[in-house]
Amino acid sequence: EVFTALANRLARCLGSFGGTPISKARRRAGYSKARHDLSPKFVRRISPVLDLLLSGKYRRYGHGWLNAIQDLFLRSVFKGAGR
């Protein structure tokens, strides 16, 4: 994951002075991983999408409602296309 690599590189370069950028990169990496790991089955995506929506992560790290709608209704189409 790109954001995890960024967080690790920041940690090495900035040491203890980079707490804020490092923690932001790690939170962003967690958001990206949560979206990547969504199930291709609609019913199994509802709870994780609601968690991301209610925690404000879609707004903070993505494009808000647009990403939530994409994850709910289009995720199975995209994941199914690659298999």
Protein backbone atom coordinates (compact mmCIF):
# COMPACT_ATOMS: atom_id res chain seq x y z
CA GLU A 1 0.00 0.00 0.00
CA VAL A 2 1.33 3.40 -1.02
CA PHE A 3 0.22 5.19 2.13
CA THR A 4 1.77 2.61 4.44
CA ALA A 5 5.06 2.96 2.59
CA LEU A 6 4.76 6.75 2.93
CA ALA A 7 4.14 6.49 6.66
CA ASN A 8 7.14 4.21 7.10
CA ARG A 9 9.38 6.50 5.06
CA LEU A 10 8.23 9.56 7.02
CA ALA A 11 8.92 7.73 10.27
CA ARG A 12 12.48 6.97 9.18
CA CYS A 13 13.16 10.49 7.86
CA LEU A 14 11.49 12.57 10.52
CA GLY A 15 11.87 10.39 13.58
CA SER A 16 9.98 11.69 16.60
CA PHE A 17 9.35 15.09 14.97
CA GLY A 18 6.96 13.70 12.37
CA GLY A 19 4.16 12.37 14.56
CA THR A 20 1.40 14.30 12.85
CA PRO A 21 2.24 13.50 9.20
CA ILE A 22 2.99 9.90 10.09
CA SER A 23 -0.25 9.38 11.95
CA LYS A 24 -2.20 11.02 9.11
CA ALA A 25 -0.57 8.73 6.56
CA ARG A 26 -1.32 5.68 8.70
CA ARG A 27 -4.97 6.70 9.14
CA ARG A 28 -5.25 7.26 5.39
CA ALA A 29 -3.67 3.85 4.79
CA GLY A 30 -6.24 2.28 7.11
CA TYR A 31 -9.06 3.96 5.19
CA SER A 32 -7.67 2.72 1.87
CA LYS A 33 -7.27 -0.81 3.22
CA ALA A 34 -10.81 -0.82 4.61
CA ARG A 35 -12.17 0.16 1.19
CA HIS A 36 -9.97 -2.35 -0.60
CA ASP A 37 -11.09 -5.18 1.72
CA LEU A 38 -14.82 -4.61 1.19
CA SER A 39 -16.67 -7.77 0.30
CA PRO A 40 -17.98 -8.16 -3.24
CA LYS A 41 -21.32 -9.15 -1.67
CA PHE A 42 -23.66 -6.21 -1.15
CA VAL A 43 -25.04 -7.32 2.23
CA ARG A 44 -21.55 -7.72 3.68
CA ARG A 45 -20.54 -4.22 2.52
CA ILE A 46 -23.33 -2.38 4.32
CA SER A 47 -21.87 -2.41 7.84
CA PRO A 48 -18.27 -1.47 6.90
CA VAL A 49 -19.50 1.31 4.59
CA LEU A 50 -21.73 2.67 7.35
CA ASP A 51 -18.79 2.55 9.77
CA LEU A 52 -16.62 4.55 7.36
CA LEU A 53 -19.45 6.99 6.73
CA LEU A 54 -20.40 7.54 10.39
CA SER A 55 -16.77 7.88 11.49
CA GLY A 56 -16.29 10.65 8.91
CA LYS A 57 -13.54 8.82 7.06
CA TYR A 58 -15.23 9.14 3.68
CA ARG A 59 -15.38 12.89 4.16
CA ARG A 60 -11.88 13.18 5.64
CA TYR A 61 -9.98 10.92 3.25
CA GLY A 62 -12.17 10.56 0.18
CA HIS A 63 -15.05 12.21 -1.62
CA GLY A 64 -17.74 11.79 1.02
CA TRP A 65 -21.08 10.39 -0.05
CA LEU A 66 -19.82 9.72 -3.57
CA ASN A 67 -17.32 7.11 -2.32
CA ALA A 68 -19.91 5.59 0.02
CA ILE A 69 -22.37 5.14 -2.85
CA GLN A 70 -19.63 3.72 -5.08
CA ASP A 71 -18.60 1.26 -2.40
CA LEU A 72 -22.16 0.13 -1.77
CA PHE A 73 -23.42 -0.21 -5.31
CA LEU A 74 -20.44 -0.47 -7.65
CA ARG A 75 -17.84 -2.36 -5.64
CA SER A 76 -19.09 -5.81 -6.70
CA VAL A 77 -19.00 -4.78 -10.35
CA PHE A 78 -15.35 -3.66 -10.13
CA LYS A 79 -14.15 -6.57 -7.99
CA GLY A 80 -16.00 -9.06 -10.17
CA ALA A 81 -14.46 -7.67 -13.35
CA GLY A 82 -10.94 -8.54 -12.21
CA ARG A 83 -11.72 -12.17 -11.33
